[in-house]
Amino acid sequence: MADKTREIKKTRNQQSQETVRLILRETMKCFLKKGYHGTSINDIAQATGLTKGALYFHFKSKEHLLRRFMEEYESHFLNGLIHAVSQVEGGALDKLEKVTRYCAAFGYYNRELCVSFTKLAAELMGVRLGIETEIKRIYGKYQDFLKKIVVQGKKEKVFGKEIDPDMTALLIMAFHDGMLLQWSMNKDKLKGDHFVRNYRKILLDGVLSS
C-alpha cells in the first residue's frame, strides 16, 4: 500500500513538472511574439490549453512566470556557460574562444529562450518594475565573468594592454545580444556557421595583442 501511494505521488509530481515545462515553453513563445506587457494570462491559457485556474495553481501571477523564466535563462545559459569555460585548461584566449563557441551553439539550439530574454530585458529596463533589479543582476553576473577572462588575458599579455576589461565585457554582451536578434530576424538569409565564424574573427582579432 505504501509503495502504491509513493508511486501515485511520483506520477503526480511528474505530471506537475510536465505542466510547468509546458507553461514555461508556451509563455516564452508568447513573450517573444507579444512582449511582456502585450501578453495576457488569457493568451498563455489559450496557448497551453489550460484554464486560468490551472495556470494560477502553478504560478500566482504573470510576474511570477516572468521571474521563473529569468531563472531558467540564468540556470541554463549563464551558469552553463560559466561551467563550460571553467573546464577549459588553457589560457584566456582559449576561454574566450570557448565563450564564442558555447554562445553560438546555445543560441542555435535555444533561440527562443535567448532572444526572448534579450527582448524582455530591452522592454523592461527603465519601466520601474521590480524585475528590473533581477535583470541587472543577471547581466552583472555575466559581465563580471567576462571581465575576469579579459583581465587574465591582459596579465598573460595575449590581449592588448589598452583593452578596458569592463568595456570589453559589455561590448561582448552587446555583440552577442545583437547577433541573436539579427540571426532571428534574418535566419532565412544568414548561414549560421558563416555568421558565427565572422563573429569569432571580429571579436578575437579585436582583443588580441599586436
N, C-alpha and C. Protein backbone atom coordinates (compact mmCIF):
# COMPACT_ATOMS: atom_id res chain seq x y z
N MET A 1 0.83 -1.21 0.00
CA MET A 1 0.00 0.00 0.00
C MET A 1 0.86 1.26 0.00
N ALA A 2 1.92 1.25 0.82
CA ALA A 2 2.82 2.40 0.90
C ALA A 2 3.53 2.62 -0.42
N ASP A 3 3.93 1.49 -1.07
CA ASP A 3 4.61 1.59 -2.36
C ASP A 3 3.68 2.19 -3.41
N LYS A 4 2.42 1.79 -3.38
CA LYS A 4 1.43 2.30 -4.34
C LYS A 4 1.21 3.80 -4.13
N THR A 5 1.17 4.22 -2.87
CA THR A 5 0.99 5.64 -2.56
C THR A 5 2.16 6.46 -3.07
N ARG A 6 3.37 5.94 -2.85
CA ARG A 6 4.57 6.63 -3.34
C ARG A 6 4.56 6.73 -4.86
N GLU A 7 4.10 5.67 -5.52
CA GLU A 7 4.05 5.66 -6.98
C GLU A 7 3.05 6.69 -7.50
N ILE A 8 1.92 6.80 -6.80
CA ILE A 8 0.91 7.79 -7.19
C ILE A 8 1.46 9.21 -7.04
N LYS A 9 2.15 9.44 -5.92
CA LYS A 9 2.74 10.76 -5.67
C LYS A 9 3.79 11.08 -6.72
N LYS A 10 4.58 10.06 -7.08
CA LYS A 10 5.62 10.25 -8.08
C LYS A 10 5.02 10.62 -9.43
N THR A 11 3.94 9.92 -9.79
CA THR A 11 3.26 10.19 -11.05
C THR A 11 2.68 11.59 -11.06
N ARG A 12 2.09 12.00 -9.95
CA ARG A 12 1.52 13.35 -9.86
C ARG A 12 2.61 14.42 -9.95
N ASN A 13 3.73 14.15 -9.32
CA ASN A 13 4.85 15.10 -9.39
C ASN A 13 5.37 15.22 -10.82
N GLN A 14 5.47 14.10 -11.51
CA GLN A 14 5.93 14.11 -12.89
C GLN A 14 4.97 14.89 -13.78
N GLN A 15 3.68 14.67 -13.56
CA GLN A 15 2.67 15.39 -14.34
C GLN A 15 2.74 16.88 -14.06
N SER A 16 2.94 17.22 -12.79
CA SER A 16 3.05 18.63 -12.42
C SER A 16 4.26 19.28 -13.08
N GLN A 17 5.40 18.58 -13.08
CA GLN A 17 6.62 19.10 -13.70
C GLN A 17 6.44 19.27 -15.21
N GLU A 18 5.75 18.32 -15.83
CA GLU A 18 5.48 18.42 -17.27
C GLU A 18 4.59 19.62 -17.57
N THR A 19 3.61 19.86 -16.70
CA THR A 19 2.72 21.01 -16.88
C THR A 19 3.48 22.32 -16.74
N VAL A 20 4.38 22.37 -15.76
CA VAL A 20 5.19 23.58 -15.57
C VAL A 20 6.06 23.82 -16.79
N ARG A 21 6.67 22.77 -17.33
CA ARG A 21 7.50 22.92 -18.52
C ARG A 21 6.67 23.41 -19.71
N LEU A 22 5.45 22.88 -19.83
CA LEU A 22 4.54 23.32 -20.90
C LEU A 22 4.21 24.80 -20.75
N ILE A 23 3.89 25.22 -19.55
CA ILE A 23 3.54 26.61 -19.30
C ILE A 23 4.71 27.53 -19.62
N LEU A 24 5.89 27.16 -19.16
CA LEU A 24 7.07 27.99 -19.41
C LEU A 24 7.40 28.06 -20.89
N ARG A 25 7.29 26.95 -21.58
CA ARG A 25 7.60 26.92 -23.01
C ARG A 25 6.63 27.80 -23.80
N GLU A 26 5.35 27.69 -23.52
CA GLU A 26 4.37 28.47 -24.26
C GLU A 26 4.38 29.94 -23.85
N THR A 27 4.67 30.20 -22.58
CA THR A 27 4.79 31.59 -22.13
C THR A 27 5.96 32.27 -22.83
N MET A 28 7.06 31.55 -22.97
CA MET A 28 8.22 32.10 -23.66
C MET A 28 7.85 32.48 -25.09
N LYS A 29 7.09 31.64 -25.77
CA LYS A 29 6.68 31.94 -27.14
C LYS A 29 5.78 33.17 -27.18
N CYS A 30 4.90 33.30 -26.19
CA CYS A 30 4.02 34.47 -26.12
C CYS A 30 4.83 35.74 -25.88
N PHE A 31 5.77 35.67 -24.95
CA PHE A 31 6.61 36.83 -24.66
C PHE A 31 7.42 37.23 -25.90
N LEU A 32 7.90 36.24 -26.62
CA LEU A 32 8.69 36.50 -27.82
C LEU A 32 7.84 37.18 -28.89
N LYS A 33 6.60 36.76 -29.00
CA LYS A 33 5.72 37.29 -30.03
C LYS A 33 5.12 38.64 -29.66
N LYS A 34 4.66 38.77 -28.40
CA LYS A 34 3.91 39.96 -27.99
C LYS A 34 4.61 40.83 -26.96
N GLY A 35 5.71 40.36 -26.39
CA GLY A 35 6.34 41.09 -25.31
C GLY A 35 5.64 40.80 -23.99
N TYR A 36 6.25 41.28 -22.91
CA TYR A 36 5.67 41.03 -21.58
C TYR A 36 4.36 41.77 -21.40
N HIS A 37 4.36 43.05 -21.69
CA HIS A 37 3.15 43.85 -21.48
C HIS A 37 2.02 43.46 -22.43
N GLY A 38 2.38 43.00 -23.61
CA GLY A 38 1.36 42.63 -24.58
C GLY A 38 0.77 41.25 -24.38
N THR A 39 1.38 40.46 -23.49
CA THR A 39 0.90 39.10 -23.22
C THR A 39 -0.01 39.10 -22.01
N SER A 40 -1.17 38.49 -22.14
CA SER A 40 -2.11 38.37 -21.03
C SER A 40 -2.16 36.94 -20.52
N ILE A 41 -2.71 36.77 -19.35
CA ILE A 41 -2.90 35.41 -18.82
C ILE A 41 -3.82 34.61 -19.75
N ASN A 42 -4.80 35.28 -20.34
CA ASN A 42 -5.67 34.60 -21.30
C ASN A 42 -4.89 34.07 -22.50
N ASP A 43 -3.89 34.86 -22.96
CA ASP A 43 -3.05 34.41 -24.07
C ASP A 43 -2.30 33.13 -23.70
N ILE A 44 -1.77 33.12 -22.48
CA ILE A 44 -1.00 31.96 -22.03
C ILE A 44 -1.91 30.75 -21.84
N ALA A 45 -3.10 30.97 -21.28
CA ALA A 45 -4.05 29.88 -21.10
C ALA A 45 -4.44 29.27 -22.44
N GLN A 46 -4.69 30.13 -23.42
CA GLN A 46 -5.05 29.65 -24.75
C GLN A 46 -3.90 28.88 -25.39
N ALA A 47 -2.68 29.37 -25.23
CA ALA A 47 -1.51 28.72 -25.83
C ALA A 47 -1.23 27.36 -25.20
N THR A 48 -1.48 27.24 -23.91
CA THR A 48 -1.19 25.98 -23.21
C THR A 48 -2.37 25.00 -23.23
N GLY A 49 -3.57 25.53 -23.50
CA GLY A 49 -4.76 24.69 -23.44
C GLY A 49 -5.22 24.44 -22.02
N LEU A 50 -4.74 25.25 -21.07
CA LEU A 50 -5.11 25.11 -19.66
C LEU A 50 -6.09 26.21 -19.26
N THR A 51 -6.81 25.97 -18.18
CA THR A 51 -7.67 27.02 -17.64
C THR A 51 -6.81 28.02 -16.87
N LYS A 52 -7.37 29.21 -16.64
CA LYS A 52 -6.63 30.19 -15.86
C LYS A 52 -6.42 29.68 -14.43
N GLY A 53 -7.38 28.91 -13.94
CA GLY A 53 -7.24 28.33 -12.61
C GLY A 53 -6.06 27.40 -12.52
N ALA A 54 -5.86 26.60 -13.59
CA ALA A 54 -4.72 25.67 -13.63
C ALA A 54 -3.40 26.45 -13.69
N LEU A 55 -3.40 27.55 -14.43
CA LEU A 55 -2.19 28.38 -14.50
C LEU A 55 -1.86 28.95 -13.13
N TYR A 56 -2.88 29.49 -12.47
CA TYR A 56 -2.65 30.13 -11.17
C TYR A 56 -2.29 29.10 -10.10
N PHE A 57 -2.61 27.84 -10.34
CA PHE A 57 -2.22 26.79 -9.40
C PHE A 57 -0.70 26.65 -9.37
N HIS A 58 -0.07 26.82 -10.53
CA HIS A 58 1.38 26.66 -10.65
C HIS A 58 2.13 27.98 -10.52
N PHE A 59 1.53 29.07 -10.99
CA PHE A 59 2.17 30.39 -10.96
C PHE A 59 1.14 31.42 -10.51
N LYS A 60 1.46 32.15 -9.46
CA LYS A 60 0.47 33.03 -8.85
C LYS A 60 0.21 34.29 -9.65
N SER A 61 1.09 34.63 -10.61
CA SER A 61 0.89 35.85 -11.40
C SER A 61 1.75 35.78 -12.67
N LYS A 62 1.50 36.73 -13.56
CA LYS A 62 2.33 36.82 -14.77
C LYS A 62 3.77 37.20 -14.40
N GLU A 63 3.93 38.03 -13.38
CA GLU A 63 5.28 38.40 -12.95
C GLU A 63 6.01 37.20 -12.37
N HIS A 64 5.29 36.33 -11.67
CA HIS A 64 5.88 35.09 -11.16
C HIS A 64 6.41 34.25 -12.32
N LEU A 65 5.64 34.18 -13.40
CA LEU A 65 6.07 33.46 -14.60
C LEU A 65 7.32 34.09 -15.19
N LEU A 66 7.33 35.41 -15.22
CA LEU A 66 8.48 36.13 -15.76
C LEU A 66 9.74 35.84 -14.95
N ARG A 67 9.61 35.87 -13.63
CA ARG A 67 10.76 35.59 -12.77
C ARG A 67 11.27 34.17 -12.96
N ARG A 68 10.36 33.24 -13.11
CA ARG A 68 10.77 31.85 -13.35
C ARG A 68 11.50 31.72 -14.69
N PHE A 69 11.01 32.47 -15.67
CA PHE A 69 11.68 32.47 -16.97
C PHE A 69 13.10 33.00 -16.86
N MET A 70 13.27 34.07 -16.08
CA MET A 70 14.61 34.63 -15.86
C MET A 70 15.52 33.61 -15.19
N GLU A 71 14.97 32.86 -14.23
CA GLU A 71 15.73 31.82 -13.55
C GLU A 71 16.16 30.74 -14.54
N GLU A 72 15.27 30.38 -15.46
CA GLU A 72 15.59 29.36 -16.46
C GLU A 72 16.75 29.83 -17.34
N TYR A 73 16.71 31.10 -17.74
CA TYR A 73 17.77 31.64 -18.59
C TYR A 73 19.11 31.63 -17.84
N GLU A 74 19.10 32.10 -16.62
CA GLU A 74 20.34 32.15 -15.84
C GLU A 74 20.89 30.74 -15.62
N SER A 75 20.01 29.81 -15.27
CA SER A 75 20.44 28.45 -14.98
C SER A 75 20.99 27.74 -16.22
N HIS A 76 20.24 27.80 -17.32
CA HIS A 76 20.63 27.02 -18.49
C HIS A 76 21.70 27.71 -19.33
N PHE A 77 21.57 29.01 -19.54
CA PHE A 77 22.58 29.67 -20.37
C PHE A 77 23.79 30.12 -19.56
N LEU A 78 23.59 31.04 -18.63
CA LEU A 78 24.73 31.68 -17.97
C LEU A 78 25.50 30.71 -17.09
N ASN A 79 24.80 29.98 -16.23
CA ASN A 79 25.52 29.02 -15.38
C ASN A 79 26.17 27.91 -16.21
N GLY A 80 25.49 27.53 -17.30
CA GLY A 80 26.07 26.53 -18.20
C GLY A 80 27.33 27.04 -18.86
N LEU A 81 27.31 28.31 -19.28
CA LEU A 81 28.49 28.93 -19.89
C LEU A 81 29.65 28.98 -18.91
N ILE A 82 29.37 29.45 -17.70
CA ILE A 82 30.42 29.57 -16.68
C ILE A 82 31.04 28.20 -16.38
N HIS A 83 30.20 27.19 -16.28
CA HIS A 83 30.70 25.83 -16.00
C HIS A 83 31.55 25.33 -17.17
N ALA A 84 31.08 25.53 -18.40
CA ALA A 84 31.80 25.04 -19.58
C ALA A 84 33.18 25.69 -19.68
N VAL A 85 33.24 26.99 -19.44
CA VAL A 85 34.51 27.70 -19.54
C VAL A 85 35.45 27.31 -18.40
N SER A 86 34.89 26.98 -17.24
CA SER A 86 35.72 26.58 -16.10
C SER A 86 36.45 25.26 -16.37
N GLN A 87 35.96 24.49 -17.34
CA GLN A 87 36.59 23.21 -17.67
C GLN A 87 37.74 23.37 -18.67
N VAL A 88 37.89 24.57 -19.23
CA VAL A 88 38.96 24.81 -20.20
C VAL A 88 40.30 24.87 -19.49
N GLU A 89 41.27 24.12 -19.96
CA GLU A 89 42.58 24.04 -19.30
C GLU A 89 43.56 25.10 -19.80
N GLY A 90 43.27 25.75 -20.92
CA GLY A 90 44.20 26.72 -21.48
C GLY A 90 44.07 28.09 -20.83
N GLY A 91 44.62 29.09 -21.53
CA GLY A 91 44.62 30.44 -21.02
C GLY A 91 43.39 31.22 -21.40
N ALA A 92 43.49 32.55 -21.29
CA ALA A 92 42.34 33.42 -21.52
C ALA A 92 41.83 33.35 -22.95
N LEU A 93 42.74 33.24 -23.91
CA LEU A 93 42.32 33.17 -25.31
C LEU A 93 41.51 31.90 -25.56
N ASP A 94 41.93 30.79 -24.97
CA ASP A 94 41.17 29.54 -25.10
C ASP A 94 39.80 29.68 -24.46
N LYS A 95 39.75 30.38 -23.33
CA LYS A 95 38.47 30.58 -22.63
C LYS A 95 37.53 31.46 -23.44
N LEU A 96 38.07 32.51 -24.05
CA LEU A 96 37.23 33.39 -24.85
C LEU A 96 36.74 32.68 -26.10
N GLU A 97 37.60 31.84 -26.66
CA GLU A 97 37.20 31.02 -27.80
C GLU A 97 36.05 30.10 -27.40
N LYS A 98 36.13 29.53 -26.20
CA LYS A 98 35.06 28.66 -25.70
C LYS A 98 33.77 29.46 -25.51
N VAL A 99 33.89 30.69 -25.03
CA VAL A 99 32.71 31.54 -24.87
C VAL A 99 31.99 31.71 -26.20
N THR A 100 32.74 32.01 -27.26
CA THR A 100 32.11 32.24 -28.55
C THR A 100 31.46 30.97 -29.08
N ARG A 101 32.12 29.84 -28.91
CA ARG A 101 31.57 28.58 -29.41
C ARG A 101 30.34 28.16 -28.62
N TYR A 102 30.41 28.32 -27.29
CA TYR A 102 29.28 27.94 -26.44
C TYR A 102 28.06 28.82 -26.76
N CYS A 103 28.28 30.13 -26.83
CA CYS A 103 27.17 31.05 -27.06
C CYS A 103 26.51 30.79 -28.42
N ALA A 104 27.34 30.50 -29.42
CA ALA A 104 26.80 30.23 -30.75
C ALA A 104 25.96 28.95 -30.74
N ALA A 105 26.49 27.90 -30.13
CA ALA A 105 25.77 26.63 -30.10
C ALA A 105 24.50 26.73 -29.26
N PHE A 106 24.61 27.39 -28.10
CA PHE A 106 23.43 27.51 -27.24
C PHE A 106 22.36 28.34 -27.93
N GLY A 107 22.77 29.44 -28.56
CA GLY A 107 21.81 30.28 -29.26
C GLY A 107 21.13 29.56 -30.40
N TYR A 108 21.86 28.69 -31.07
CA TYR A 108 21.30 27.93 -32.20
C TYR A 108 20.23 26.96 -31.72
N TYR A 109 20.51 26.24 -30.64
CA TYR A 109 19.58 25.22 -30.17
C TYR A 109 18.53 25.76 -29.19
N ASN A 110 18.72 26.98 -28.71
CA ASN A 110 17.78 27.56 -27.74
C ASN A 110 17.44 29.00 -28.14
N ARG A 111 17.13 29.16 -29.41
CA ARG A 111 16.92 30.50 -29.96
C ARG A 111 15.82 31.26 -29.22
N GLU A 112 14.69 30.61 -28.98
CA GLU A 112 13.56 31.30 -28.36
C GLU A 112 13.90 31.77 -26.95
N LEU A 113 14.61 30.95 -26.20
CA LEU A 113 14.99 31.32 -24.84
C LEU A 113 15.90 32.54 -24.85
N CYS A 114 16.92 32.52 -25.70
CA CYS A 114 17.90 33.61 -25.74
C CYS A 114 17.30 34.90 -26.27
N VAL A 115 16.58 34.82 -27.37
CA VAL A 115 16.00 36.02 -27.97
C VAL A 115 14.92 36.60 -27.07
N SER A 116 14.15 35.72 -26.43
CA SER A 116 13.10 36.20 -25.52
C SER A 116 13.71 36.98 -24.36
N PHE A 117 14.80 36.45 -23.79
CA PHE A 117 15.44 37.16 -22.68
C PHE A 117 15.95 38.52 -23.13
N THR A 118 16.59 38.57 -24.28
CA THR A 118 17.14 39.83 -24.80
C THR A 118 16.03 40.84 -25.03
N LYS A 119 14.95 40.41 -25.65
CA LYS A 119 13.83 41.31 -25.95
C LYS A 119 13.14 41.78 -24.67
N LEU A 120 12.97 40.87 -23.72
CA LEU A 120 12.32 41.23 -22.46
C LEU A 120 13.19 42.21 -21.67
N ALA A 121 14.49 41.99 -21.68
CA ALA A 121 15.40 42.90 -20.97
C ALA A 121 15.28 44.30 -21.55
N ALA A 122 15.25 44.40 -22.88
CA ALA A 122 15.12 45.71 -23.53
C ALA A 122 13.78 46.36 -23.20
N GLU A 123 12.72 45.55 -23.14
CA GLU A 123 11.38 46.07 -22.87
C GLU A 123 11.22 46.54 -21.43
N LEU A 124 11.83 45.82 -20.49
CA LEU A 124 11.54 46.03 -19.07
C LEU A 124 12.53 46.93 -18.34
N MET A 125 13.67 47.20 -18.95
CA MET A 125 14.62 48.11 -18.29
C MET A 125 14.06 49.53 -18.31
N GLY A 126 14.06 50.17 -17.14
CA GLY A 126 13.63 51.56 -17.05
C GLY A 126 12.13 51.76 -16.88
N VAL A 127 11.38 50.67 -16.69
CA VAL A 127 9.92 50.82 -16.54
C VAL A 127 9.48 50.72 -15.08
N ARG A 128 10.47 50.71 -14.18
CA ARG A 128 10.20 50.75 -12.74
C ARG A 128 9.43 49.53 -12.22
N LEU A 129 9.70 48.38 -12.78
CA LEU A 129 9.17 47.13 -12.25
C LEU A 129 10.26 46.46 -11.41
N GLY A 130 9.84 45.68 -10.41
CA GLY A 130 10.81 45.02 -9.54
C GLY A 130 11.74 44.09 -10.28
N ILE A 131 11.28 43.55 -11.42
CA ILE A 131 12.08 42.58 -12.17
C ILE A 131 13.33 43.24 -12.76
N GLU A 132 13.35 44.55 -12.87
CA GLU A 132 14.50 45.25 -13.42
C GLU A 132 15.76 44.95 -12.61
N THR A 133 15.62 44.86 -11.31
CA THR A 133 16.76 44.54 -10.45
C THR A 133 17.31 43.17 -10.78
N GLU A 134 16.44 42.22 -11.06
CA GLU A 134 16.86 40.86 -11.38
C GLU A 134 17.58 40.82 -12.73
N ILE A 135 17.08 41.57 -13.69
CA ILE A 135 17.73 41.62 -15.00
C ILE A 135 19.13 42.20 -14.86
N LYS A 136 19.26 43.27 -14.10
CA LYS A 136 20.57 43.89 -13.88
C LYS A 136 21.52 42.93 -13.17
N ARG A 137 20.99 42.15 -12.23
CA ARG A 137 21.84 41.20 -11.51
C ARG A 137 22.38 40.14 -12.46
N ILE A 138 21.54 39.61 -13.34
CA ILE A 138 21.97 38.57 -14.28
C ILE A 138 23.01 39.13 -15.25
N TYR A 139 22.74 40.30 -15.79
CA TYR A 139 23.70 40.91 -16.70
C TYR A 139 25.01 41.25 -15.97
N GLY A 140 24.89 41.68 -14.71
CA GLY A 140 26.08 41.98 -13.92
C GLY A 140 26.93 40.75 -13.69
N LYS A 141 26.29 39.63 -13.44
CA LYS A 141 26.99 38.36 -13.26
C LYS A 141 27.70 37.96 -14.56
N TYR A 142 27.05 38.14 -15.66
CA TYR A 142 27.60 37.85 -16.98
C TYR A 142 28.82 38.74 -17.25
N GLN A 143 28.68 40.03 -16.95
CA GLN A 143 29.76 40.98 -17.16
C GLN A 143 30.98 40.65 -16.31
N ASP A 144 30.76 40.35 -15.04
CA ASP A 144 31.87 40.02 -14.14
C ASP A 144 32.63 38.78 -14.62
N PHE A 145 31.90 37.81 -15.11
CA PHE A 145 32.51 36.58 -15.62
C PHE A 145 33.42 36.88 -16.83
N LEU A 146 32.90 37.66 -17.78
CA LEU A 146 33.68 38.01 -18.96
C LEU A 146 34.87 38.90 -18.60
N LYS A 147 34.64 39.81 -17.67
CA LYS A 147 35.71 40.73 -17.24
C LYS A 147 36.90 39.95 -16.71
N LYS A 148 36.68 38.90 -15.93
CA LYS A 148 37.77 38.10 -15.38
C LYS A 148 38.61 37.47 -16.48
N ILE A 149 37.96 37.04 -17.56
CA ILE A 149 38.70 36.45 -18.68
C ILE A 149 39.58 37.51 -19.33
N VAL A 150 39.03 38.71 -19.50
CA VAL A 150 39.80 39.79 -20.13
C VAL A 150 40.98 40.19 -19.25
N VAL A 151 40.75 40.30 -17.96
CA VAL A 151 41.84 40.63 -17.03
C VAL A 151 42.93 39.57 -17.10
N GLN A 152 42.53 38.31 -17.14
CA GLN A 152 43.51 37.23 -17.25
C GLN A 152 44.30 37.35 -18.55
N GLY A 153 43.60 37.67 -19.65
CA GLY A 153 44.26 37.81 -20.94
C GLY A 153 45.27 38.94 -20.96
N LYS A 154 44.98 40.02 -20.26
CA LYS A 154 45.93 41.13 -20.17
C LYS A 154 47.16 40.74 -19.36
N LYS A 155 46.94 39.98 -18.29
CA LYS A 155 48.07 39.52 -17.48
C LYS A 155 48.96 38.58 -18.28
N GLU A 156 48.33 37.77 -19.13
CA GLU A 156 49.09 36.84 -19.96
C GLU A 156 49.70 37.53 -21.19
N LYS A 157 49.33 38.78 -21.37
CA LYS A 157 49.83 39.62 -22.48
C LYS A 157 49.43 39.09 -23.85
N VAL A 158 48.28 38.39 -23.89
CA VAL A 158 47.74 37.97 -25.19
C VAL A 158 46.66 38.93 -25.65
N PHE A 159 46.09 39.71 -24.70
CA PHE A 159 45.14 40.75 -25.04
C PHE A 159 45.84 42.10 -24.96
N GLY A 160 45.42 43.03 -25.79
CA GLY A 160 46.05 44.33 -25.84
C GLY A 160 46.03 45.04 -24.50
N LYS A 161 47.13 45.72 -24.18
CA LYS A 161 47.21 46.41 -22.89
C LYS A 161 46.24 47.58 -22.79
N GLU A 162 45.79 48.08 -23.96
CA GLU A 162 44.85 49.21 -23.95
C GLU A 162 43.40 48.76 -23.76
N ILE A 163 43.17 47.46 -23.76
CA ILE A 163 41.81 46.92 -23.63
C ILE A 163 41.27 47.19 -22.24
N ASP A 164 40.08 47.77 -22.17
CA ASP A 164 39.41 48.01 -20.89
C ASP A 164 38.53 46.80 -20.56
N PRO A 165 38.78 46.10 -19.46
CA PRO A 165 38.04 44.87 -19.15
C PRO A 165 36.51 45.06 -19.04
N ASP A 166 36.09 46.10 -18.32
CA ASP A 166 34.65 46.33 -18.17
C ASP A 166 34.00 46.64 -19.51
N MET A 167 34.62 47.54 -20.26
CA MET A 167 34.07 47.92 -21.56
C MET A 167 34.04 46.74 -22.52
N THR A 168 35.11 45.96 -22.51
CA THR A 168 35.18 44.80 -23.39
C THR A 168 34.09 43.79 -23.06
N ALA A 169 33.88 43.55 -21.76
CA ALA A 169 32.83 42.62 -21.34
C ALA A 169 31.46 43.10 -21.81
N LEU A 170 31.19 44.39 -21.65
CA LEU A 170 29.90 44.95 -22.09
C LEU A 170 29.73 44.84 -23.60
N LEU A 171 30.81 45.08 -24.34
CA LEU A 171 30.74 45.01 -25.79
C LEU A 171 30.51 43.57 -26.27
N ILE A 172 31.14 42.60 -25.61
CA ILE A 172 30.90 41.20 -25.97
C ILE A 172 29.44 40.84 -25.73
N MET A 173 28.89 41.28 -24.60
CA MET A 173 27.48 41.01 -24.30
C MET A 173 26.57 41.67 -25.33
N ALA A 174 26.88 42.92 -25.67
CA ALA A 174 26.06 43.64 -26.65
C ALA A 174 26.15 42.97 -28.02
N PHE A 175 27.36 42.55 -28.37
CA PHE A 175 27.59 41.86 -29.63
C PHE A 175 26.75 40.58 -29.68
N HIS A 176 26.79 39.84 -28.60
CA HIS A 176 26.06 38.57 -28.55
C HIS A 176 24.55 38.79 -28.64
N ASP A 177 24.03 39.75 -27.87
CA ASP A 177 22.59 40.04 -27.91
C ASP A 177 22.17 40.49 -29.30
N GLY A 178 22.97 41.37 -29.90
CA GLY A 178 22.65 41.85 -31.24
C GLY A 178 22.70 40.74 -32.27
N MET A 179 23.67 39.85 -32.14
CA MET A 179 23.77 38.70 -33.05
C MET A 179 22.52 37.84 -33.00
N LEU A 180 22.04 37.59 -31.78
CA LEU A 180 20.85 36.75 -31.63
C LEU A 180 19.65 37.37 -32.32
N LEU A 181 19.48 38.68 -32.14
CA LEU A 181 18.34 39.36 -32.76
C LEU A 181 18.45 39.33 -34.29
N GLN A 182 19.64 39.63 -34.80
CA GLN A 182 19.82 39.63 -36.25
C GLN A 182 19.67 38.23 -36.84
N TRP A 183 20.20 37.24 -36.13
CA TRP A 183 20.08 35.86 -36.58
C TRP A 183 18.61 35.45 -36.61
N SER A 184 17.86 35.87 -35.59
CA SER A 184 16.44 35.54 -35.51
C SER A 184 15.65 36.20 -36.63
N MET A 185 15.96 37.47 -36.90
CA MET A 185 15.21 38.23 -37.91
C MET A 185 15.60 37.84 -39.34
N ASN A 186 16.82 37.33 -39.51
CA ASN A 186 17.33 37.04 -40.85
C ASN A 186 17.74 35.59 -41.02
N LYS A 187 17.08 34.70 -40.28
CA LYS A 187 17.50 33.30 -40.29
C LYS A 187 17.36 32.65 -41.67
N ASP A 188 16.48 33.21 -42.52
CA ASP A 188 16.32 32.66 -43.86
C ASP A 188 17.39 33.16 -44.82
N LYS A 189 18.09 34.23 -44.42
CA LYS A 189 19.11 34.83 -45.29
C LYS A 189 20.52 34.51 -44.83
N LEU A 190 20.70 34.33 -43.52
CA LEU A 190 22.03 34.13 -42.97
C LEU A 190 22.37 32.66 -42.81
N LYS A 191 23.59 32.31 -43.15
CA LYS A 191 24.10 30.97 -42.87
C LYS A 191 24.73 31.01 -41.48
N GLY A 192 24.20 30.22 -40.56
CA GLY A 192 24.62 30.28 -39.17
C GLY A 192 26.11 30.11 -38.97
N ASP A 193 26.71 29.12 -39.62
CA ASP A 193 28.14 28.86 -39.41
C ASP A 193 28.99 30.02 -39.91
N HIS A 194 28.61 30.61 -41.04
CA HIS A 194 29.35 31.75 -41.59
C HIS A 194 29.22 32.96 -40.68
N PHE A 195 28.03 33.17 -40.17
CA PHE A 195 27.75 34.29 -39.26
C PHE A 195 28.62 34.16 -38.01
N VAL A 196 28.66 32.96 -37.45
CA VAL A 196 29.42 32.72 -36.22
C VAL A 196 30.91 32.86 -36.46
N ARG A 197 31.42 32.36 -37.58
CA ARG A 197 32.85 32.48 -37.88
C ARG A 197 33.28 33.93 -37.94
N ASN A 198 32.46 34.76 -38.57
CA ASN A 198 32.78 36.19 -38.65
C ASN A 198 32.72 36.85 -37.28
N TYR A 199 31.75 36.44 -36.47
CA TYR A 199 31.64 36.96 -35.11
C TYR A 199 32.91 36.64 -34.32
N ARG A 200 33.35 35.40 -34.39
CA ARG A 200 34.55 34.98 -33.66
C ARG A 200 35.78 35.73 -34.16
N LYS A 201 35.91 35.87 -35.47
CA LYS A 201 37.08 36.54 -36.04
C LYS A 201 37.13 38.01 -35.59
N ILE A 202 36.00 38.70 -35.71
CA ILE A 202 35.97 40.13 -35.34
C ILE A 202 36.24 40.30 -33.85
N LEU A 203 35.61 39.45 -33.03
CA LEU A 203 35.79 39.55 -31.58
C LEU A 203 37.23 39.25 -31.18
N LEU A 204 37.76 38.12 -31.62
CA LEU A 204 39.09 37.71 -31.19
C LEU A 204 40.18 38.62 -31.77
N ASP A 205 40.04 39.03 -33.02
CA ASP A 205 41.03 39.94 -33.60
C ASP A 205 41.03 41.27 -32.86
N GLY A 206 39.88 41.65 -32.35
CA GLY A 206 39.77 42.94 -31.69
C GLY A 206 40.46 43.01 -30.33
N VAL A 207 40.60 41.88 -29.66
CA VAL A 207 41.19 41.90 -28.31
C VAL A 207 42.65 41.45 -28.30
N LEU A 208 43.11 40.84 -29.37
CA LEU A 208 44.46 40.30 -29.36
C LEU A 208 45.52 41.39 -29.31
N SER A 209 46.59 41.08 -28.60
CA SER A 209 47.72 41.99 -28.53
C SER A 209 48.47 41.97 -29.87
N SER A 210 48.89 43.14 -30.32
CA SER A 210 49.64 43.22 -31.57
C SER A 210 51.06 42.68 -31.39
